[in-house]
Amino acid sequence: MYRFASSPLATSAAFVVVLVWLLAGPRLSYSTTWQLVMTTVSSIVTFLMVFVLNHAQNRDTLAVNAKLDALIMALESADNRMVGLEHRDTKEASAIHEEIKSAIEGEL
């Protein structure tokens, strides 16, 4: 679903829906029903797209984290504490972040 939502076909379909709605306005005397239809449809689509985009973002984040973990484990000089850092509690992750930040500042 998220791939369709970002496709040119979806953009074209949305444009056609809005165009049909606008062209129907004069025929329906710009009634409140005419306005309500578009308002309702756009609200429903917006509500559903929040979940579609959230799902796509979570999938992408999981894939990137898995790839980074694989790279960290493949490098002998890498700090293996970084593997799965996103699953650790905030206090531990912050401590590791500060330690790395200090090391970087020490190299400058």
PDB file of N, CA and C in Angstrom:
ATOM      1  N   MET A   1       0.827  -1.195   0.000  1.00  0.00           N
ATOM      2  CA  MET A   1       0.000   0.000   0.000  1.00  0.00           C
ATOM      3  C   MET A   1       0.872   1.260   0.000  1.00  0.00           C
ATOM      4  N   TYR A   2       1.953   1.247   0.809  1.00  0.00           N
ATOM      5  CA  TYR A   2       2.782   2.446   0.892  1.00  0.00           C
ATOM      6  C   TYR A   2       3.510   2.713  -0.421  1.00  0.00           C
ATOM      7  N   ARG A   3       3.813   1.658  -1.179  1.00  0.00           N
ATOM      8  CA  ARG A   3       4.469   1.878  -2.474  1.00  0.00           C
ATOM      9  C   ARG A   3       3.501   2.516  -3.460  1.00  0.00           C
ATOM     10  N   PHE A   4       2.236   2.097  -3.409  1.00  0.00           N
ATOM     11  CA  PHE A   4       1.240   2.713  -4.284  1.00  0.00           C
ATOM     12  C   PHE A   4       1.040   4.173  -3.908  1.00  0.00           C
ATOM     13  N   ALA A   5       1.001   4.446  -2.608  1.00  0.00           N
ATOM     14  CA  ALA A   5       0.738   5.812  -2.145  1.00  0.00           C
ATOM     15  C   ALA A   5       1.808   6.791  -2.613  1.00  0.00           C
ATOM     16  N   SER A   6       3.011   6.300  -2.863  1.00  0.00           N
ATOM     17  CA  SER A   6       4.083   7.196  -3.301  1.00  0.00           C
ATOM     18  C   SER A   6       4.322   7.131  -4.810  1.00  0.00           C
ATOM     19  N   SER A   7       3.439   6.454  -5.526  1.00  0.00           N
ATOM     20  CA  SER A   7       3.631   6.291  -6.965  1.00  0.00           C
ATOM     21  C   SER A   7       3.014   7.441  -7.758  1.00  0.00           C
ATOM     22  N   PRO A   8       3.475   7.627  -8.986  1.00  0.00           N
ATOM     23  CA  PRO A   8       2.861   8.645  -9.850  1.00  0.00           C
ATOM     24  C   PRO A   8       1.382   8.357 -10.124  1.00  0.00           C
ATOM     25  N   LEU A   9       1.023   7.076 -10.157  1.00  0.00           N
ATOM     26  CA  LEU A   9      -0.376   6.714 -10.381  1.00  0.00           C
ATOM     27  C   LEU A   9      -1.267   7.225  -9.251  1.00  0.00           C
ATOM     28  N   ALA A  10      -0.800   7.120  -8.019  1.00  0.00           N
ATOM     29  CA  ALA A  10      -1.579   7.614  -6.878  1.00  0.00           C
ATOM     30  C   ALA A  10      -1.721   9.127  -6.933  1.00  0.00           C
ATOM     31  N   THR A  11      -0.661   9.810  -7.313  1.00  0.00           N
ATOM     32  CA  THR A  11      -0.724  11.265  -7.446  1.00  0.00           C
ATOM     33  C   THR A  11      -1.717  11.657  -8.535  1.00  0.00           C
ATOM     34  N   SER A  12      -1.669  10.946  -9.643  1.00  0.00           N
ATOM     35  CA  SER A  12      -2.613  11.215 -10.730  1.00  0.00           C
ATOM     36  C   SER A  12      -4.044  10.934 -10.301  1.00  0.00           C
ATOM     37  N   ALA A  13      -4.251   9.835  -9.573  1.00  0.00           N
ATOM     38  CA  ALA A  13      -5.594   9.496  -9.098  1.00  0.00           C
ATOM     39  C   ALA A  13      -6.125  10.568  -8.156  1.00  0.00           C
ATOM     40  N   ALA A  14      -5.284  11.062  -7.276  1.00  0.00           N
ATOM     41  CA  ALA A  14      -5.707  12.118  -6.351  1.00  0.00           C
ATOM     42  C   ALA A  14      -6.067  13.384  -7.122  1.00  0.00           C
ATOM     43  N   PHE A  15      -5.278  13.702  -8.128  1.00  0.00           N
ATOM     44  CA  PHE A  15      -5.560  14.875  -8.952  1.00  0.00           C
ATOM     45  C   PHE A  15      -6.900  14.729  -9.666  1.00  0.00           C
ATOM     46  N   VAL A  16      -7.170  13.542 -10.204  1.00  0.00           N
ATOM     47  CA  VAL A  16      -8.438  13.291 -10.900  1.00  0.00           C
ATOM     48  C   VAL A  16      -9.614  13.403  -9.941  1.00  0.00           C
ATOM     49  N   VAL A  17      -9.480  12.859  -8.734  1.00  0.00           N
ATOM     50  CA  VAL A  17     -10.565  12.942  -7.747  1.00  0.00           C
ATOM     51  C   VAL A  17     -10.876  14.400  -7.422  1.00  0.00           C
ATOM     52  N   VAL A  18      -9.857  15.189  -7.193  1.00  0.00           N
ATOM     53  CA  VAL A  18     -10.073  16.607  -6.884  1.00  0.00           C
ATOM     54  C   VAL A  18     -10.679  17.334  -8.084  1.00  0.00           C
ATOM     55  N   LEU A  19     -10.212  17.021  -9.277  1.00  0.00           N
ATOM     56  CA  LEU A  19     -10.744  17.654 -10.478  1.00  0.00           C
ATOM     57  C   LEU A  19     -12.223  17.316 -10.679  1.00  0.00           C
ATOM     58  N   VAL A  20     -12.581  16.048 -10.507  1.00  0.00           N
ATOM     59  CA  VAL A  20     -13.992  15.638 -10.623  1.00  0.00           C
ATOM     60  C   VAL A  20     -14.827  16.343  -9.568  1.00  0.00           C
ATOM     61  N   TRP A  21     -14.304  16.424  -8.370  1.00  0.00           N
ATOM     62  CA  TRP A  21     -15.033  17.102  -7.288  1.00  0.00           C
ATOM     63  C   TRP A  21     -15.252  18.573  -7.622  1.00  0.00           C
ATOM     64  N   LEU A  22     -14.218  19.229  -8.130  1.00  0.00           N
ATOM     65  CA  LEU A  22     -14.349  20.642  -8.494  1.00  0.00           C
ATOM     66  C   LEU A  22     -15.337  20.846  -9.644  1.00  0.00           C
ATOM     67  N   LEU A  23     -15.291  19.963 -10.626  1.00  0.00           N
ATOM     68  CA  LEU A  23     -16.209  20.077 -11.757  1.00  0.00           C
ATOM     69  C   LEU A  23     -17.653  19.776 -11.362  1.00  0.00           C
ATOM     70  N   ALA A  24     -17.830  18.948 -10.344  1.00  0.00           N
ATOM     71  CA  ALA A  24     -19.183  18.630  -9.875  1.00  0.00           C
ATOM     72  C   ALA A  24     -19.774  19.771  -9.062  1.00  0.00           C
ATOM     73  N   GLY A  25     -18.958  20.674  -8.578  1.00  0.00           N
ATOM     74  CA  GLY A  25     -19.427  21.788  -7.753  1.00  0.00           C
ATOM     75  C   GLY A  25     -20.534  22.605  -8.376  1.00  0.00           C
ATOM     76  N   PRO A  26     -20.346  23.115  -9.600  1.00  0.00           N
ATOM     77  CA  PRO A  26     -21.414  23.920 -10.209  1.00  0.00           C
ATOM     78  C   PRO A  26     -22.707  23.133 -10.443  1.00  0.00           C
ATOM     79  N   ARG A  27     -22.582  21.861 -10.805  1.00  0.00           N
ATOM     80  CA  ARG A  27     -23.773  21.040 -11.045  1.00  0.00           C
ATOM     81  C   ARG A  27     -24.546  20.791  -9.758  1.00  0.00           C
ATOM     82  N   LEU A  28     -23.837  20.757  -8.655  1.00  0.00           N
ATOM     83  CA  LEU A  28     -24.487  20.509  -7.359  1.00  0.00           C
ATOM     84  C   LEU A  28     -24.709  21.804  -6.591  1.00  0.00           C
ATOM     85  N   SER A  29     -24.567  22.913  -7.265  1.00  0.00           N
ATOM     86  CA  SER A  29     -24.776  24.245  -6.677  1.00  0.00           C
ATOM     87  C   SER A  29     -23.899  24.487  -5.450  1.00  0.00           C
ATOM     88  N   TYR A  30     -22.732  23.895  -5.470  1.00  0.00           N
ATOM     89  CA  TYR A  30     -21.784  24.051  -4.355  1.00  0.00           C
ATOM     90  C   TYR A  30     -22.478  23.799  -3.008  1.00  0.00           C
ATOM     91  N   SER A  31     -23.252  22.740  -2.963  1.00  0.00           N
ATOM     92  CA  SER A  31     -24.041  22.436  -1.763  1.00  0.00           C
ATOM     93  C   SER A  31     -23.149  21.995  -0.609  1.00  0.00           C
ATOM     94  N   THR A  32     -23.755  21.954   0.557  1.00  0.00           N
ATOM     95  CA  THR A  32     -23.010  21.486   1.731  1.00  0.00           C
ATOM     96  C   THR A  32     -22.675  20.008   1.591  1.00  0.00           C
ATOM     97  N   THR A  33     -23.524  19.250   0.910  1.00  0.00           N
ATOM     98  CA  THR A  33     -23.226  17.835   0.671  1.00  0.00           C
ATOM     99  C   THR A  33     -21.984  17.709  -0.202  1.00  0.00           C
ATOM    100  N   TRP A  34     -21.891  18.552  -1.215  1.00  0.00           N
ATOM    101  CA  TRP A  34     -20.730  18.562  -2.103  1.00  0.00           C
ATOM    102  C   TRP A  34     -19.459  18.829  -1.297  1.00  0.00           C
ATOM    103  N   GLN A  35     -19.516  19.766  -0.389  1.00  0.00           N
ATOM    104  CA  GLN A  35     -18.365  20.093   0.452  1.00  0.00           C
ATOM    105  C   GLN A  35     -18.076  18.977   1.448  1.00  0.00           C
ATOM    106  N   LEU A  36     -19.140  18.419   2.015  1.00  0.00           N
ATOM    107  CA  LEU A  36     -18.989  17.375   3.027  1.00  0.00           C
ATOM    108  C   LEU A  36     -18.338  16.123   2.457  1.00  0.00           C
ATOM    109  N   VAL A  37     -18.677  15.788   1.213  1.00  0.00           N
ATOM    110  CA  VAL A  37     -18.099  14.593   0.593  1.00  0.00           C
ATOM    111  C   VAL A  37     -16.578  14.714   0.533  1.00  0.00           C
ATOM    112  N   MET A  38     -16.084  15.819   0.026  1.00  0.00           N
ATOM    113  CA  MET A  38     -14.634  15.976  -0.099  1.00  0.00           C
ATOM    114  C   MET A  38     -13.962  16.080   1.264  1.00  0.00           C
ATOM    115  N   THR A  39     -14.583  16.770   2.176  1.00  0.00           N
ATOM    116  CA  THR A  39     -14.016  16.895   3.515  1.00  0.00           C
ATOM    117  C   THR A  39     -13.915  15.533   4.184  1.00  0.00           C
ATOM    118  N   THR A  40     -14.976  14.749   4.063  1.00  0.00           N
ATOM    119  CA  THR A  40     -14.989  13.420   4.682  1.00  0.00           C
ATOM    120  C   THR A  40     -13.971  12.497   4.030  1.00  0.00           C
ATOM    121  N   VAL A  41     -13.954  12.476   2.710  1.00  0.00           N
ATOM    122  CA  VAL A  41     -13.014  11.607   1.997  1.00  0.00           C
ATOM    123  C   VAL A  41     -11.573  11.988   2.321  1.00  0.00           C
ATOM    124  N   SER A  42     -11.268  13.264   2.297  1.00  0.00           N
ATOM    125  CA  SER A  42      -9.887  13.676   2.578  1.00  0.00           C
ATOM    126  C   SER A  42      -9.496  13.392   4.027  1.00  0.00           C
ATOM    127  N   SER A  43     -10.435  13.516   4.948  1.00  0.00           N
ATOM    128  CA  SER A  43     -10.137  13.196   6.351  1.00  0.00           C
ATOM    129  C   SER A  43      -9.861  11.711   6.530  1.00  0.00           C
ATOM    130  N   ILE A  44     -10.652  10.874   5.889  1.00  0.00           N
ATOM    131  CA  ILE A  44     -10.457   9.424   5.998  1.00  0.00           C
ATOM    132  C   ILE A  44      -9.126   9.020   5.375  1.00  0.00           C
ATOM    133  N   VAL A  45      -8.831   9.552   4.197  1.00  0.00           N
ATOM    134  CA  VAL A  45      -7.566   9.221   3.534  1.00  0.00           C
ATOM    135  C   VAL A  45      -6.383   9.679   4.380  1.00  0.00           C
ATOM    136  N   THR A  46      -6.464  10.862   4.942  1.00  0.00           N
ATOM    137  CA  THR A  46      -5.391  11.371   5.801  1.00  0.00           C
ATOM    138  C   THR A  46      -5.194  10.480   7.014  1.00  0.00           C
ATOM    139  N   PHE A  47      -6.290  10.085   7.646  1.00  0.00           N
ATOM    140  CA  PHE A  47      -6.227   9.217   8.821  1.00  0.00           C
ATOM    141  C   PHE A  47      -5.554   7.890   8.472  1.00  0.00           C
ATOM    142  N   LEU A  48      -5.953   7.285   7.360  1.00  0.00           N
ATOM    143  CA  LEU A  48      -5.377   6.000   6.972  1.00  0.00           C
ATOM    144  C   LEU A  48      -3.913   6.130   6.557  1.00  0.00           C
ATOM    145  N   MET A  49      -3.562   7.231   5.901  1.00  0.00           N
ATOM    146  CA  MET A  49      -2.185   7.413   5.455  1.00  0.00           C
ATOM    147  C   MET A  49      -1.210   7.559   6.617  1.00  0.00           C
ATOM    148  N   VAL A  50      -1.681   8.042   7.739  1.00  0.00           N
ATOM    149  CA  VAL A  50      -0.821   8.116   8.926  1.00  0.00           C
ATOM    150  C   VAL A  50      -0.307   6.723   9.271  1.00  0.00           C
ATOM    151  N   PHE A  51      -1.191   5.738   9.236  1.00  0.00           N
ATOM    152  CA  PHE A  51      -0.798   4.375   9.579  1.00  0.00           C
ATOM    153  C   PHE A  51       0.040   3.733   8.479  1.00  0.00           C
ATOM    154  N   VAL A  52      -0.293   4.001   7.232  1.00  0.00           N
ATOM    155  CA  VAL A  52       0.487   3.462   6.118  1.00  0.00           C
ATOM    156  C   VAL A  52       1.917   4.002   6.164  1.00  0.00           C
ATOM    157  N   LEU A  53       2.062   5.297   6.354  1.00  0.00           N
ATOM    158  CA  LEU A  53       3.395   5.905   6.411  1.00  0.00           C
ATOM    159  C   LEU A  53       4.179   5.456   7.637  1.00  0.00           C
ATOM    160  N   ASN A  54       3.495   5.313   8.763  1.00  0.00           N
ATOM    161  CA  ASN A  54       4.156   4.841   9.980  1.00  0.00           C
ATOM    162  C   ASN A  54       4.677   3.420   9.781  1.00  0.00           C
ATOM    163  N   HIS A  55       3.874   2.571   9.159  1.00  0.00           N
ATOM    164  CA  HIS A  55       4.299   1.195   8.889  1.00  0.00           C
ATOM    165  C   HIS A  55       5.519   1.180   7.965  1.00  0.00           C
ATOM    166  N   ALA A  56       5.475   1.983   6.910  1.00  0.00           N
ATOM    167  CA  ALA A  56       6.594   2.036   5.969  1.00  0.00           C
ATOM    168  C   ALA A  56       7.862   2.543   6.645  1.00  0.00           C
ATOM    169  N   GLN A  57       7.721   3.550   7.493  1.00  0.00           N
ATOM    170  CA  GLN A  57       8.880   4.099   8.192  1.00  0.00           C
ATOM    171  C   GLN A  57       9.457   3.073   9.166  1.00  0.00           C
ATOM    172  N   ASN A  58       8.605   2.355   9.874  1.00  0.00           N
ATOM    173  CA  ASN A  58       9.092   1.333  10.805  1.00  0.00           C
ATOM    174  C   ASN A  58       9.824   0.221  10.068  1.00  0.00           C
ATOM    175  N   ARG A  59       9.284  -0.200   8.927  1.00  0.00           N
ATOM    176  CA  ARG A  59       9.948  -1.227   8.125  1.00  0.00           C
ATOM    177  C   ARG A  59      11.320  -0.759   7.676  1.00  0.00           C
ATOM    178  N   ASP A  60      11.392   0.460   7.203  1.00  0.00           N
ATOM    179  CA  ASP A  60      12.653   1.023   6.735  1.00  0.00           C
ATOM    180  C   ASP A  60      13.665   1.120   7.875  1.00  0.00           C
ATOM    181  N   THR A  61      13.212   1.575   9.030  1.00  0.00           N
ATOM    182  CA  THR A  61      14.098   1.709  10.187  1.00  0.00           C
ATOM    183  C   THR A  61      14.643   0.350  10.620  1.00  0.00           C
ATOM    184  N   LEU A  62      13.782  -0.667  10.646  1.00  0.00           N
ATOM    185  CA  LEU A  62      14.240  -2.010  11.012  1.00  0.00           C
ATOM    186  C   LEU A  62      15.288  -2.521  10.029  1.00  0.00           C
ATOM    187  N   ALA A  63      15.065  -2.292   8.743  1.00  0.00           N
ATOM    188  CA  ALA A  63      16.020  -2.749   7.731  1.00  0.00           C
ATOM    189  C   ALA A  63      17.360  -2.032   7.873  1.00  0.00           C
ATOM    190  N   VAL A  64      17.325  -0.734   8.068  1.00  0.00           N
ATOM    191  CA  VAL A  64      18.568   0.035   8.221  1.00  0.00           C
ATOM    192  C   VAL A  64      19.317  -0.412   9.472  1.00  0.00           C
ATOM    193  N   ASN A  65      18.598  -0.598  10.579  1.00  0.00           N
ATOM    194  CA  ASN A  65      19.253  -1.040  11.814  1.00  0.00           C
ATOM    195  C   ASN A  65      19.869  -2.421  11.650  1.00  0.00           C
ATOM    196  N   ALA A  66      19.180  -3.322  10.957  1.00  0.00           N
ATOM    197  CA  ALA A  66      19.728  -4.664  10.735  1.00  0.00           C
ATOM    198  C   ALA A  66      21.002  -4.590   9.893  1.00  0.00           C
ATOM    199  N   LYS A  67      21.003  -3.749   8.880  1.00  0.00           N
ATOM    200  CA  LYS A  67      22.189  -3.599   8.034  1.00  0.00           C
ATOM    201  C   LYS A  67      23.353  -2.990   8.814  1.00  0.00           C
ATOM    202  N   LEU A  68      23.062  -1.994   9.629  1.00  0.00           N
ATOM    203  CA  LEU A  68      24.121  -1.384  10.443  1.00  0.00           C
ATOM    204  C   LEU A  68      24.686  -2.380  11.450  1.00  0.00           C
ATOM    205  N   ASP A  69      23.797  -3.164  12.069  1.00  0.00           N
ATOM    206  CA  ASP A  69      24.262  -4.184  13.013  1.00  0.00           C
ATOM    207  C   ASP A  69      25.176  -5.187  12.314  1.00  0.00           C
ATOM    208  N   ALA A  70      24.819  -5.586  11.095  1.00  0.00           N
ATOM    209  CA  ALA A  70      25.649  -6.528  10.343  1.00  0.00           C
ATOM    210  C   ALA A  70      27.013  -5.920  10.033  1.00  0.00           C
ATOM    211  N   LEU A  71      27.036  -4.652   9.664  1.00  0.00           N
ATOM    212  CA  LEU A  71      28.316  -3.989   9.389  1.00  0.00           C
ATOM    213  C   LEU A  71      29.170  -3.876  10.649  1.00  0.00           C
ATOM    214  N   ILE A  72      28.552  -3.537  11.756  1.00  0.00           N
ATOM    215  CA  ILE A  72      29.291  -3.412  13.016  1.00  0.00           C
ATOM    216  C   ILE A  72      29.904  -4.753  13.400  1.00  0.00           C
ATOM    217  N   MET A  73      29.121  -5.823  13.270  1.00  0.00           N
ATOM    218  CA  MET A  73      29.625  -7.151  13.643  1.00  0.00           C
ATOM    219  C   MET A  73      30.722  -7.623  12.690  1.00  0.00           C
ATOM    220  N   ALA A  74      30.696  -7.155  11.439  1.00  0.00           N
ATOM    221  CA  ALA A  74      31.697  -7.579  10.459  1.00  0.00           C
ATOM    222  C   ALA A  74      33.043  -6.887  10.658  1.00  0.00           C
ATOM    223  N   LEU A  75      33.045  -5.722  11.284  1.00  0.00           N
ATOM    224  CA  LEU A  75      34.287  -4.982  11.492  1.00  0.00           C
ATOM    225  C   LEU A  75      34.924  -5.374  12.823  1.00  0.00           C
ATOM    226  N   GLU A  76      36.170  -5.773  12.764  1.00  0.00           N
ATOM    227  CA  GLU A  76      36.855  -6.174  13.989  1.00  0.00           C
ATOM    228  C   GLU A  76      37.084  -4.994  14.923  1.00  0.00           C
ATOM    229  N   SER A  77      37.332  -3.826  14.357  1.00  0.00           N
ATOM    230  CA  SER A  77      37.644  -2.660  15.184  1.00  0.00           C
ATOM    231  C   SER A  77      36.398  -1.955  15.721  1.00  0.00           C
ATOM    232  N   ALA A  78      35.218  -2.402  15.313  1.00  0.00           N
ATOM    233  CA  ALA A  78      33.982  -1.733  15.747  1.00  0.00           C
ATOM    234  C   ALA A  78      33.629  -2.120  17.176  1.00  0.00           C
ATOM    235  N   ASP A  79      32.955  -1.211  17.841  1.00  0.00           N
ATOM    236  CA  ASP A  79      32.490  -1.438  19.207  1.00  0.00           C
ATOM    237  C   ASP A  79      31.174  -2.215  19.137  1.00  0.00           C
ATOM    238  N   ASN A  80      31.210  -3.479  19.532  1.00  0.00           N
ATOM    239  CA  ASN A  80      30.029  -4.333  19.421  1.00  0.00           C
ATOM    240  C   ASN A  80      28.903  -3.939  20.370  1.00  0.00           C
ATOM    241  N   ARG A  81      29.165  -2.999  21.273  1.00  0.00           N
ATOM    242  CA  ARG A  81      28.073  -2.515  22.129  1.00  0.00           C
ATOM    243  C   ARG A  81      27.024  -1.769  21.308  1.00  0.00           C
ATOM    244  N   MET A  82      27.403  -1.353  20.109  1.00  0.00           N
ATOM    245  CA  MET A  82      26.469  -0.616  19.245  1.00  0.00           C
ATOM    246  C   MET A  82      25.395  -1.511  18.647  1.00  0.00           C
ATOM    247  N   VAL A  83      25.676  -2.806  18.553  1.00  0.00           N
ATOM    248  CA  VAL A  83      24.697  -3.731  17.977  1.00  0.00           C
ATOM    249  C   VAL A  83      23.452  -3.745  18.858  1.00  0.00           C
ATOM    250  N   GLY A  84      22.322  -3.477  18.259  1.00  0.00           N
ATOM    251  CA  GLY A  84      21.049  -3.486  18.988  1.00  0.00           C
ATOM    252  C   GLY A  84      20.872  -2.327  19.943  1.00  0.00           C
ATOM    253  N   LEU A  85      21.626  -1.259  19.747  1.00  0.00           N
ATOM    254  CA  LEU A  85      21.555  -0.103  20.655  1.00  0.00           C
ATOM    255  C   LEU A  85      20.139   0.467  20.736  1.00  0.00           C
ATOM    256  N   GLU A  86      19.401   0.386  19.637  1.00  0.00           N
ATOM    257  CA  GLU A  86      18.042   0.937  19.618  1.00  0.00           C
ATOM    258  C   GLU A  86      17.082   0.175  20.535  1.00  0.00           C
ATOM    259  N   HIS A  87      17.488  -1.012  20.983  1.00  0.00           N
ATOM    260  CA  HIS A  87      16.630  -1.806  21.873  1.00  0.00           C
ATOM    261  C   HIS A  87      16.972  -1.614  23.353  1.00  0.00           C
ATOM    262  N   ARG A  88      18.016  -0.885  23.622  1.00  0.00           N
ATOM    263  CA  ARG A  88      18.423  -0.670  25.019  1.00  0.00           C
ATOM    264  C   ARG A  88      17.654   0.486  25.624  1.00  0.00           C
ATOM    265  N   ASP A  89      17.690   0.562  26.949  1.00  0.00           N
ATOM    266  CA  ASP A  89      16.965   1.662  27.593  1.00  0.00           C
ATOM    267  C   ASP A  89      17.677   2.985  27.321  1.00  0.00           C
ATOM    268  N   THR A  90      16.947   4.053  27.496  1.00  0.00           N
ATOM    269  CA  THR A  90      17.437   5.389  27.151  1.00  0.00           C
ATOM    270  C   THR A  90      18.686   5.764  27.929  1.00  0.00           C
ATOM    271  N   LYS A  91      18.739   5.390  29.196  1.00  0.00           N
ATOM    272  CA  LYS A  91      19.886   5.746  30.036  1.00  0.00           C
ATOM    273  C   LYS A  91      21.168   5.101  29.503  1.00  0.00           C
ATOM    274  N   GLU A  92      21.100   3.825  29.183  1.00  0.00           N
ATOM    275  CA  GLU A  92      22.278   3.116  28.682  1.00  0.00           C
ATOM    276  C   GLU A  92      22.685   3.645  27.301  1.00  0.00           C
ATOM    277  N   ALA A  93      21.713   3.875  26.431  1.00  0.00           N
ATOM    278  CA  ALA A  93      22.008   4.396  25.093  1.00  0.00           C
ATOM    279  C   ALA A  93      22.618   5.790  25.178  1.00  0.00           C
ATOM    280  N   SER A  94      22.108   6.611  26.083  1.00  0.00           N
ATOM    281  CA  SER A  94      22.654   7.962  26.259  1.00  0.00           C
ATOM    282  C   SER A  94      24.084   7.923  26.774  1.00  0.00           C
ATOM    283  N   ALA A  95      24.363   7.001  27.680  1.00  0.00           N
ATOM    284  CA  ALA A  95      25.720   6.878  28.217  1.00  0.00           C
ATOM    285  C   ALA A  95      26.706   6.484  27.115  1.00  0.00           C
ATOM    286  N   ILE A  96      26.316   5.541  26.281  1.00  0.00           N
ATOM    287  CA  ILE A  96      27.182   5.128  25.171  1.00  0.00           C
ATOM    288  C   ILE A  96      27.359   6.281  24.188  1.00  0.00           C
ATOM    289  N   HIS A  97      26.284   7.007  23.920  1.00  0.00           N
ATOM    290  CA  HIS A  97      26.354   8.158  23.015  1.00  0.00           C
ATOM    291  C   HIS A  97      27.320   9.209  23.548  1.00  0.00           C
ATOM    292  N   GLU A  98      27.240   9.515  24.826  1.00  0.00           N
ATOM    293  CA  GLU A  98      28.134  10.512  25.429  1.00  0.00           C
ATOM    294  C   GLU A  98      29.587  10.047  25.384  1.00  0.00           C
ATOM    295  N   GLU A  99      29.805   8.754  25.607  1.00  0.00           N
ATOM    296  CA  GLU A  99      31.156   8.203  25.558  1.00  0.00           C
ATOM    297  C   GLU A  99      31.750   8.366  24.155  1.00  0.00           C
ATOM    298  N   ILE A 100      30.963   8.077  23.148  1.00  0.00           N
ATOM    299  CA  ILE A 100      31.430   8.208  21.761  1.00  0.00           C
ATOM    300  C   ILE A 100      31.640   9.677  21.407  1.00  0.00           C
ATOM    301  N   LYS A 101      30.731  10.523  21.852  1.00  0.00           N
ATOM    302  CA  LYS A 101      30.845  11.956  21.598  1.00  0.00           C
ATOM    303  C   LYS A 101      32.138  12.502  22.210  1.00  0.00           C
ATOM    304  N   SER A 102      32.462  12.072  23.423  1.00  0.00           N
ATOM    305  CA  SER A 102      33.701  12.509  24.077  1.00  0.00           C
ATOM    306  C   SER A 102      34.924  12.021  23.314  1.00  0.00           C
ATOM    307  N   ALA A 103      34.862  10.789  22.824  1.00  0.00           N
ATOM    308  CA  ALA A 103      35.988  10.243  22.065  1.00  0.00           C
ATOM    309  C   ALA A 103      36.195  11.016  20.766  1.00  0.00           C
ATOM    310  N   ILE A 104      35.102  11.385  20.111  1.00  0.00           N
ATOM    311  CA  ILE A 104      35.200  12.155  18.864  1.00  0.00           C
ATOM    312  C   ILE A 104      35.784  13.535  19.144  1.00  0.00           C
ATOM    313  N   GLU A 105      35.310  14.184  20.198  1.00  0.00           N
ATOM    314  CA  GLU A 105      35.818  15.513  20.554  1.00  0.00           C
ATOM    315  C   GLU A 105      37.285  15.450  20.948  1.00  0.00           C
ATOM    316  N   GLY A 106      37.708  14.328  21.541  1.00  0.00           N
ATOM    317  CA  GLY A 106      39.104  14.156  21.919  1.00  0.00           C
ATOM    318  C   GLY A 106      40.017  14.015  20.713  1.00  0.00           C
ATOM    319  N   GLU A 107      39.479  13.502  19.614  1.00  0.00           N
ATOM    320  CA  GLU A 107      40.269  13.331  18.391  1.00  0.00           C
ATOM    321  C   GLU A 107      40.418  14.638  17.629  1.00  0.00           C
ATOM    322  N   LEU A 108      39.521  15.578  17.863  1.00  0.00           N
ATOM    323  CA  LEU A 108      39.580  16.851  17.129  1.00  0.00           C
ATOM    324  C   LEU A 108      40.615  17.713  17.704  1.00  0.00           C
TER     325      LEU A 108
END
